[in-house]
Amino acid sequence: MARVQLVHVAHTRSGDKGDTANVGVIAYDSEHYDLLCSQLTADRVKAHFGSMVRGDVERFELPNLGALNFLLHGALGGGGTMSLMNDAQGKVFSTALLRIEIEVPDEVAHAVQGRGRMPADGAMRRSERTP
C-alpha cells in the first residue's frame, strides 16, 4: 500500500448553508470510489479539520456519481451573514480536504501520480507559453 494525497484521486467542490459547510468529493475514476468510501470516513474528515469544525461531520454516499458529500456542522462561525471569518462560505474546505493522505494500492498510486496538479503530457504550463 502507498499513501497519496486525495488531490491525485479526486476533485472537490464546496459550499455552505448557514453555519454548515459542505464538501463534495468526486473520484476521477469510478473504480476508485470504493477507496474513497473506505478511507474518507466522517470521523477521519472531522479529525483532518480539527478545531475548524465544531460540530458533527456527516457523510452521504452518491455511488451513481462516484462521489461523497460531507456536511461540516459548526464550521462557518455562524454563517456568511453573521461570521467575521475570512471564508464564511467555506470555499477553502474543499482545497484543504484535497491535502489529506489516503492509502491506495501501489498500482493505483503509480497510475494517479501527478493527477490533479500537473498538466497532461504535452500540455504547456502557463509559464512556458509565449505571451
N, C-alpha and C. Protein backbone atom coordinates (compact mmCIF):
# COMPACT_ATOMS: atom_id res chain seq x y z
N MET A 1 0.84 -1.18 0.00
CA MET A 1 0.00 0.00 0.00
C MET A 1 0.89 1.24 0.00
N ALA A 2 0.37 2.29 -0.60
CA ALA A 2 1.06 3.58 -0.67
C ALA A 2 0.13 4.66 -0.16
N ARG A 3 0.71 5.78 0.21
CA ARG A 3 -0.08 6.94 0.65
C ARG A 3 0.05 8.02 -0.40
N VAL A 4 -1.10 8.57 -0.80
CA VAL A 4 -1.13 9.67 -1.75
C VAL A 4 -2.11 10.72 -1.24
N GLN A 5 -1.89 11.95 -1.65
CA GLN A 5 -2.86 12.98 -1.29
C GLN A 5 -4.12 12.77 -2.12
N LEU A 6 -5.24 13.12 -1.53
CA LEU A 6 -6.54 12.96 -2.18
C LEU A 6 -6.60 13.65 -3.53
N VAL A 7 -5.87 14.75 -3.70
CA VAL A 7 -5.89 15.52 -4.95
C VAL A 7 -5.55 14.66 -6.17
N HIS A 8 -4.81 13.57 -5.97
CA HIS A 8 -4.43 12.71 -7.09
C HIS A 8 -5.52 11.72 -7.48
N VAL A 9 -6.52 11.55 -6.61
CA VAL A 9 -7.56 10.55 -6.83
C VAL A 9 -8.93 11.18 -7.08
N ALA A 10 -9.12 12.41 -6.60
CA ALA A 10 -10.45 13.02 -6.67
C ALA A 10 -10.34 14.54 -6.78
N HIS A 11 -11.46 15.14 -7.15
CA HIS A 11 -11.57 16.59 -7.10
C HIS A 11 -12.71 16.92 -6.16
N THR A 12 -12.80 18.18 -5.75
CA THR A 12 -13.77 18.57 -4.73
C THR A 12 -14.50 19.85 -5.11
N ARG A 13 -15.63 20.03 -4.49
CA ARG A 13 -16.42 21.27 -4.59
C ARG A 13 -16.96 21.55 -3.19
N SER A 14 -17.14 22.81 -2.86
CA SER A 14 -17.70 23.10 -1.56
C SER A 14 -18.69 24.25 -1.63
N GLY A 15 -19.48 24.35 -0.59
CA GLY A 15 -20.49 25.39 -0.49
C GLY A 15 -20.91 25.55 0.95
N ASP A 16 -22.03 26.23 1.15
CA ASP A 16 -22.44 26.49 2.52
C ASP A 16 -23.95 26.67 2.60
N LYS A 17 -24.45 26.50 3.78
CA LYS A 17 -25.83 26.81 4.15
C LYS A 17 -25.80 27.11 5.63
N GLY A 18 -25.98 28.39 5.96
CA GLY A 18 -25.92 28.76 7.37
C GLY A 18 -24.54 28.52 7.94
N ASP A 19 -24.46 27.81 9.04
CA ASP A 19 -23.19 27.53 9.71
C ASP A 19 -22.62 26.18 9.30
N THR A 20 -23.12 25.60 8.22
CA THR A 20 -22.67 24.30 7.75
C THR A 20 -22.02 24.43 6.38
N ALA A 21 -20.79 23.94 6.30
CA ALA A 21 -20.11 23.86 5.00
C ALA A 21 -20.34 22.46 4.45
N ASN A 22 -20.42 22.35 3.13
CA ASN A 22 -20.46 21.01 2.55
C ASN A 22 -19.30 20.88 1.58
N VAL A 23 -18.74 19.67 1.54
CA VAL A 23 -17.64 19.37 0.62
C VAL A 23 -18.01 18.10 -0.13
N GLY A 24 -18.10 18.23 -1.44
CA GLY A 24 -18.30 17.08 -2.30
C GLY A 24 -16.96 16.59 -2.80
N VAL A 25 -16.74 15.29 -2.72
CA VAL A 25 -15.51 14.65 -3.18
C VAL A 25 -15.90 13.71 -4.31
N ILE A 26 -15.34 13.93 -5.50
CA ILE A 26 -15.72 13.17 -6.69
C ILE A 26 -14.50 12.45 -7.23
N ALA A 27 -14.58 11.13 -7.33
CA ALA A 27 -13.46 10.34 -7.85
C ALA A 27 -13.25 10.65 -9.33
N TYR A 28 -11.98 10.81 -9.72
CA TYR A 28 -11.68 10.98 -11.14
C TYR A 28 -12.08 9.73 -11.92
N ASP A 29 -11.82 8.56 -11.34
CA ASP A 29 -12.13 7.28 -11.97
C ASP A 29 -13.12 6.53 -11.10
N SER A 30 -14.18 6.03 -11.70
CA SER A 30 -15.22 5.36 -10.91
C SER A 30 -14.69 4.16 -10.13
N GLU A 31 -13.65 3.51 -10.64
CA GLU A 31 -13.11 2.36 -9.91
C GLU A 31 -12.40 2.75 -8.61
N HIS A 32 -12.19 4.04 -8.39
CA HIS A 32 -11.57 4.50 -7.15
C HIS A 32 -12.59 4.93 -6.10
N TYR A 33 -13.86 4.88 -6.44
CA TYR A 33 -14.90 5.28 -5.49
C TYR A 33 -14.85 4.46 -4.20
N ASP A 34 -14.64 3.15 -4.31
CA ASP A 34 -14.57 2.31 -3.11
C ASP A 34 -13.41 2.71 -2.21
N LEU A 35 -12.30 3.16 -2.80
CA LEU A 35 -11.17 3.65 -2.00
C LEU A 35 -11.59 4.88 -1.20
N LEU A 36 -12.33 5.77 -1.85
CA LEU A 36 -12.80 6.96 -1.15
C LEU A 36 -13.70 6.56 0.01
N CYS A 37 -14.62 5.63 -0.24
CA CYS A 37 -15.54 5.20 0.81
C CYS A 37 -14.80 4.60 2.01
N SER A 38 -13.79 3.80 1.73
CA SER A 38 -13.09 3.15 2.84
C SER A 38 -12.15 4.10 3.58
N GLN A 39 -11.60 5.08 2.90
CA GLN A 39 -10.60 5.95 3.50
C GLN A 39 -11.16 7.25 4.09
N LEU A 40 -12.22 7.75 3.52
CA LEU A 40 -12.76 9.05 3.95
C LEU A 40 -14.02 8.86 4.80
N THR A 41 -13.81 8.51 6.04
CA THR A 41 -14.94 8.39 6.95
C THR A 41 -15.27 9.77 7.52
N ALA A 42 -16.43 9.91 8.07
CA ALA A 42 -16.81 11.17 8.71
C ALA A 42 -15.85 11.50 9.85
N ASP A 43 -15.46 10.51 10.63
CA ASP A 43 -14.54 10.73 11.75
C ASP A 43 -13.17 11.19 11.25
N ARG A 44 -12.71 10.60 10.17
CA ARG A 44 -11.40 10.97 9.62
C ARG A 44 -11.41 12.40 9.08
N VAL A 45 -12.49 12.77 8.41
CA VAL A 45 -12.61 14.13 7.88
C VAL A 45 -12.68 15.13 9.04
N LYS A 46 -13.43 14.79 10.06
CA LYS A 46 -13.51 15.69 11.23
C LYS A 46 -12.13 15.85 11.87
N ALA A 47 -11.40 14.77 12.02
CA ALA A 47 -10.05 14.84 12.60
C ALA A 47 -9.12 15.68 11.72
N HIS A 48 -9.28 15.57 10.42
CA HIS A 48 -8.44 16.34 9.49
C HIS A 48 -8.63 17.84 9.69
N PHE A 49 -9.85 18.26 9.90
CA PHE A 49 -10.13 19.69 10.08
C PHE A 49 -9.94 20.17 11.52
N GLY A 50 -9.91 19.25 12.46
CA GLY A 50 -9.66 19.62 13.85
C GLY A 50 -10.65 20.64 14.37
N SER A 51 -10.14 21.66 15.03
CA SER A 51 -11.00 22.65 15.68
C SER A 51 -11.73 23.57 14.70
N MET A 52 -11.42 23.47 13.41
CA MET A 52 -12.13 24.28 12.43
C MET A 52 -13.60 23.88 12.31
N VAL A 53 -13.90 22.61 12.65
CA VAL A 53 -15.27 22.10 12.59
C VAL A 53 -15.70 21.80 14.01
N ARG A 54 -16.62 22.61 14.53
CA ARG A 54 -17.02 22.48 15.94
C ARG A 54 -18.14 21.47 16.15
N GLY A 55 -18.89 21.18 15.11
CA GLY A 55 -19.99 20.23 15.23
C GLY A 55 -19.65 18.89 14.60
N ASP A 56 -20.70 18.13 14.33
CA ASP A 56 -20.54 16.82 13.71
C ASP A 56 -20.20 16.94 12.24
N VAL A 57 -19.64 15.86 11.71
CA VAL A 57 -19.44 15.71 10.27
C VAL A 57 -20.31 14.55 9.82
N GLU A 58 -21.14 14.80 8.83
CA GLU A 58 -21.98 13.75 8.25
C GLU A 58 -21.46 13.41 6.86
N ARG A 59 -21.54 12.12 6.50
CA ARG A 59 -21.13 11.68 5.17
C ARG A 59 -22.31 11.07 4.43
N PHE A 60 -22.47 11.47 3.19
CA PHE A 60 -23.50 10.91 2.32
C PHE A 60 -22.82 10.31 1.10
N GLU A 61 -23.23 9.10 0.74
CA GLU A 61 -22.64 8.40 -0.40
C GLU A 61 -23.50 8.58 -1.63
N LEU A 62 -22.86 8.86 -2.75
CA LEU A 62 -23.53 9.01 -4.04
C LEU A 62 -22.84 8.10 -5.05
N PRO A 63 -23.06 6.78 -4.95
CA PRO A 63 -22.31 5.84 -5.79
C PRO A 63 -22.56 6.03 -7.29
N ASN A 64 -23.75 6.48 -7.65
CA ASN A 64 -24.03 6.69 -9.08
C ASN A 64 -23.18 7.82 -9.66
N LEU A 65 -22.66 8.70 -8.80
CA LEU A 65 -21.79 9.79 -9.24
C LEU A 65 -20.32 9.54 -8.89
N GLY A 66 -20.06 8.46 -8.17
CA GLY A 66 -18.70 8.20 -7.70
C GLY A 66 -18.25 9.27 -6.72
N ALA A 67 -19.18 9.71 -5.87
CA ALA A 67 -18.91 10.86 -5.02
C ALA A 67 -19.36 10.64 -3.58
N LEU A 68 -18.76 11.42 -2.70
CA LEU A 68 -19.16 11.51 -1.30
C LEU A 68 -19.46 12.98 -1.03
N ASN A 69 -20.41 13.23 -0.16
CA ASN A 69 -20.70 14.60 0.25
C ASN A 69 -20.62 14.66 1.77
N PHE A 70 -19.84 15.61 2.26
CA PHE A 70 -19.66 15.79 3.70
C PHE A 70 -20.31 17.10 4.13
N LEU A 71 -21.08 17.03 5.21
CA LEU A 71 -21.62 18.23 5.85
C LEU A 71 -20.79 18.48 7.10
N LEU A 72 -20.21 19.68 7.16
CA LEU A 72 -19.35 20.07 8.27
C LEU A 72 -20.12 21.08 9.12
N HIS A 73 -20.78 20.59 10.16
CA HIS A 73 -21.62 21.43 11.00
C HIS A 73 -20.76 22.27 11.95
N GLY A 74 -21.16 23.51 12.14
CA GLY A 74 -20.43 24.40 13.03
C GLY A 74 -19.07 24.79 12.49
N ALA A 75 -18.97 24.93 11.18
CA ALA A 75 -17.67 25.20 10.56
C ALA A 75 -17.51 26.64 10.07
N LEU A 76 -18.57 27.44 10.15
CA LEU A 76 -18.51 28.74 9.49
C LEU A 76 -18.73 29.93 10.43
N GLY A 77 -18.51 29.73 11.70
CA GLY A 77 -18.60 30.85 12.63
C GLY A 77 -19.94 31.56 12.62
N GLY A 78 -21.01 30.81 12.38
CA GLY A 78 -22.35 31.39 12.36
C GLY A 78 -22.93 31.54 10.96
N GLY A 79 -22.10 31.47 9.94
CA GLY A 79 -22.58 31.57 8.56
C GLY A 79 -22.19 32.87 7.89
N GLY A 80 -22.39 32.92 6.59
CA GLY A 80 -21.94 34.02 5.75
C GLY A 80 -22.36 35.41 6.20
N THR A 81 -23.56 35.57 6.66
CA THR A 81 -24.02 36.91 7.03
C THR A 81 -23.69 37.29 8.47
N MET A 82 -23.29 36.32 9.28
CA MET A 82 -23.04 36.58 10.70
C MET A 82 -21.56 36.48 11.07
N SER A 83 -20.78 35.83 10.26
CA SER A 83 -19.42 35.49 10.62
C SER A 83 -18.43 36.59 10.28
N LEU A 84 -17.38 36.67 11.06
CA LEU A 84 -16.26 37.55 10.77
C LEU A 84 -15.10 36.77 10.15
N MET A 85 -15.34 35.50 9.82
CA MET A 85 -14.30 34.68 9.22
C MET A 85 -13.97 35.19 7.81
N ASN A 86 -12.73 35.00 7.38
CA ASN A 86 -12.34 35.36 6.02
C ASN A 86 -13.08 34.54 4.98
N ASP A 87 -13.39 33.29 5.30
CA ASP A 87 -14.04 32.39 4.35
C ASP A 87 -15.35 31.90 4.95
N ALA A 88 -16.29 32.79 5.13
CA ALA A 88 -17.54 32.44 5.80
C ALA A 88 -18.45 31.58 4.93
N GLN A 89 -18.11 31.38 3.66
CA GLN A 89 -18.88 30.48 2.80
C GLN A 89 -18.23 29.11 2.66
N GLY A 90 -17.08 28.90 3.27
CA GLY A 90 -16.47 27.57 3.33
C GLY A 90 -15.83 27.09 2.05
N LYS A 91 -15.45 27.98 1.15
CA LYS A 91 -14.86 27.55 -0.12
C LYS A 91 -13.51 26.87 0.06
N VAL A 92 -12.76 27.25 1.06
CA VAL A 92 -11.42 26.69 1.24
C VAL A 92 -11.44 25.27 1.80
N PHE A 93 -12.56 24.84 2.37
CA PHE A 93 -12.63 23.48 2.91
C PHE A 93 -12.35 22.43 1.84
N SER A 94 -12.83 22.65 0.62
CA SER A 94 -12.60 21.66 -0.42
C SER A 94 -11.12 21.54 -0.75
N THR A 95 -10.43 22.66 -0.84
CA THR A 95 -9.00 22.63 -1.12
C THR A 95 -8.23 21.99 0.03
N ALA A 96 -8.61 22.31 1.24
CA ALA A 96 -7.94 21.75 2.40
C ALA A 96 -8.11 20.24 2.48
N LEU A 97 -9.28 19.74 2.11
CA LEU A 97 -9.50 18.29 2.16
C LEU A 97 -8.65 17.57 1.12
N LEU A 98 -8.33 18.21 0.02
CA LEU A 98 -7.50 17.58 -1.00
C LEU A 98 -6.11 17.24 -0.49
N ARG A 99 -5.71 17.83 0.63
CA ARG A 99 -4.38 17.57 1.19
C ARG A 99 -4.33 16.33 2.07
N ILE A 100 -5.49 15.77 2.43
CA ILE A 100 -5.49 14.58 3.27
C ILE A 100 -4.84 13.43 2.50
N GLU A 101 -4.10 12.60 3.20
CA GLU A 101 -3.47 11.44 2.56
C GLU A 101 -4.34 10.21 2.78
N ILE A 102 -4.47 9.43 1.71
CA ILE A 102 -5.21 8.18 1.78
C ILE A 102 -4.30 7.03 1.35
N GLU A 103 -4.63 5.83 1.82
CA GLU A 103 -3.86 4.65 1.43
C GLU A 103 -4.52 4.02 0.22
N VAL A 104 -3.68 3.72 -0.77
CA VAL A 104 -4.15 3.11 -2.01
C VAL A 104 -3.18 2.00 -2.39
N PRO A 105 -3.64 1.02 -3.17
CA PRO A 105 -2.69 0.02 -3.67
C PRO A 105 -1.56 0.68 -4.47
N ASP A 106 -0.39 0.07 -4.47
CA ASP A 106 0.77 0.64 -5.15
C ASP A 106 0.49 0.95 -6.61
N GLU A 107 -0.23 0.07 -7.29
CA GLU A 107 -0.51 0.30 -8.72
C GLU A 107 -1.41 1.52 -8.93
N VAL A 108 -2.31 1.79 -8.00
CA VAL A 108 -3.15 2.99 -8.09
C VAL A 108 -2.29 4.23 -7.85
N ALA A 109 -1.41 4.18 -6.85
CA ALA A 109 -0.53 5.31 -6.57
C ALA A 109 0.30 5.66 -7.80
N HIS A 110 0.81 4.67 -8.47
CA HIS A 110 1.61 4.91 -9.68
C HIS A 110 0.75 5.49 -10.80
N ALA A 111 -0.44 4.97 -10.97
CA ALA A 111 -1.32 5.40 -12.06
C ALA A 111 -1.82 6.83 -11.88
N VAL A 112 -2.00 7.28 -10.64
CA VAL A 112 -2.59 8.60 -10.41
C VAL A 112 -1.55 9.67 -10.08
N GLN A 113 -0.29 9.30 -10.04
CA GLN A 113 0.76 10.24 -9.66
C GLN A 113 0.71 11.50 -10.52
N GLY A 114 0.61 12.66 -9.87
CA GLY A 114 0.59 13.93 -10.56
C GLY A 114 -0.77 14.38 -11.05
N ARG A 115 -1.76 13.54 -11.02
CA ARG A 115 -3.09 13.94 -11.47
C ARG A 115 -3.64 15.00 -10.54
N GLY A 116 -4.34 15.95 -11.12
CA GLY A 116 -4.95 17.00 -10.32
C GLY A 116 -4.05 18.18 -10.09
N ARG A 117 -2.78 18.07 -10.43
CA ARG A 117 -1.85 19.17 -10.23
C ARG A 117 -1.08 19.51 -11.48
N MET A 118 -0.75 18.53 -12.26
CA MET A 118 0.11 18.73 -13.42
C MET A 118 -0.70 18.73 -14.70
N PRO A 119 -0.28 19.50 -15.70
CA PRO A 119 -0.95 19.40 -16.99
C PRO A 119 -0.67 18.04 -17.61
N ALA A 120 -1.54 17.62 -18.50
CA ALA A 120 -1.36 16.34 -19.18
C ALA A 120 -0.07 16.38 -19.99
N ASP A 121 0.50 15.20 -20.28
CA ASP A 121 1.72 15.15 -21.10
C ASP A 121 1.52 15.94 -22.37
N GLY A 122 2.52 16.74 -22.70
CA GLY A 122 2.45 17.52 -23.93
C GLY A 122 1.79 18.87 -23.75
N ALA A 123 1.06 19.07 -22.66
CA ALA A 123 0.41 20.36 -22.43
C ALA A 123 1.45 21.34 -21.88
N MET A 124 1.39 22.54 -22.34
CA MET A 124 2.35 23.54 -21.89
C MET A 124 1.88 24.20 -20.60
N ARG A 125 2.80 24.39 -19.69
CA ARG A 125 2.48 25.14 -18.47
C ARG A 125 2.35 26.61 -18.83
N ARG A 126 1.59 27.34 -18.07
CA ARG A 126 1.38 28.76 -18.32
C ARG A 126 2.71 29.50 -18.43
N SER A 127 3.67 29.16 -17.57
CA SER A 127 4.96 29.85 -17.58
C SER A 127 5.76 29.55 -18.84
N GLU A 128 5.45 28.46 -19.54
CA GLU A 128 6.18 28.09 -20.74
C GLU A 128 5.57 28.69 -22.01
N ARG A 129 4.38 29.25 -21.91
CA ARG A 129 3.72 29.82 -23.07
C ARG A 129 4.30 31.18 -23.42
N THR A 130 4.29 31.50 -24.67
CA THR A 130 4.73 32.83 -25.06
C THR A 130 3.55 33.77 -25.00
N PRO A 131 3.78 35.04 -24.63
CA PRO A 131 2.67 35.98 -24.48
C PRO A 131 1.96 36.29 -25.78
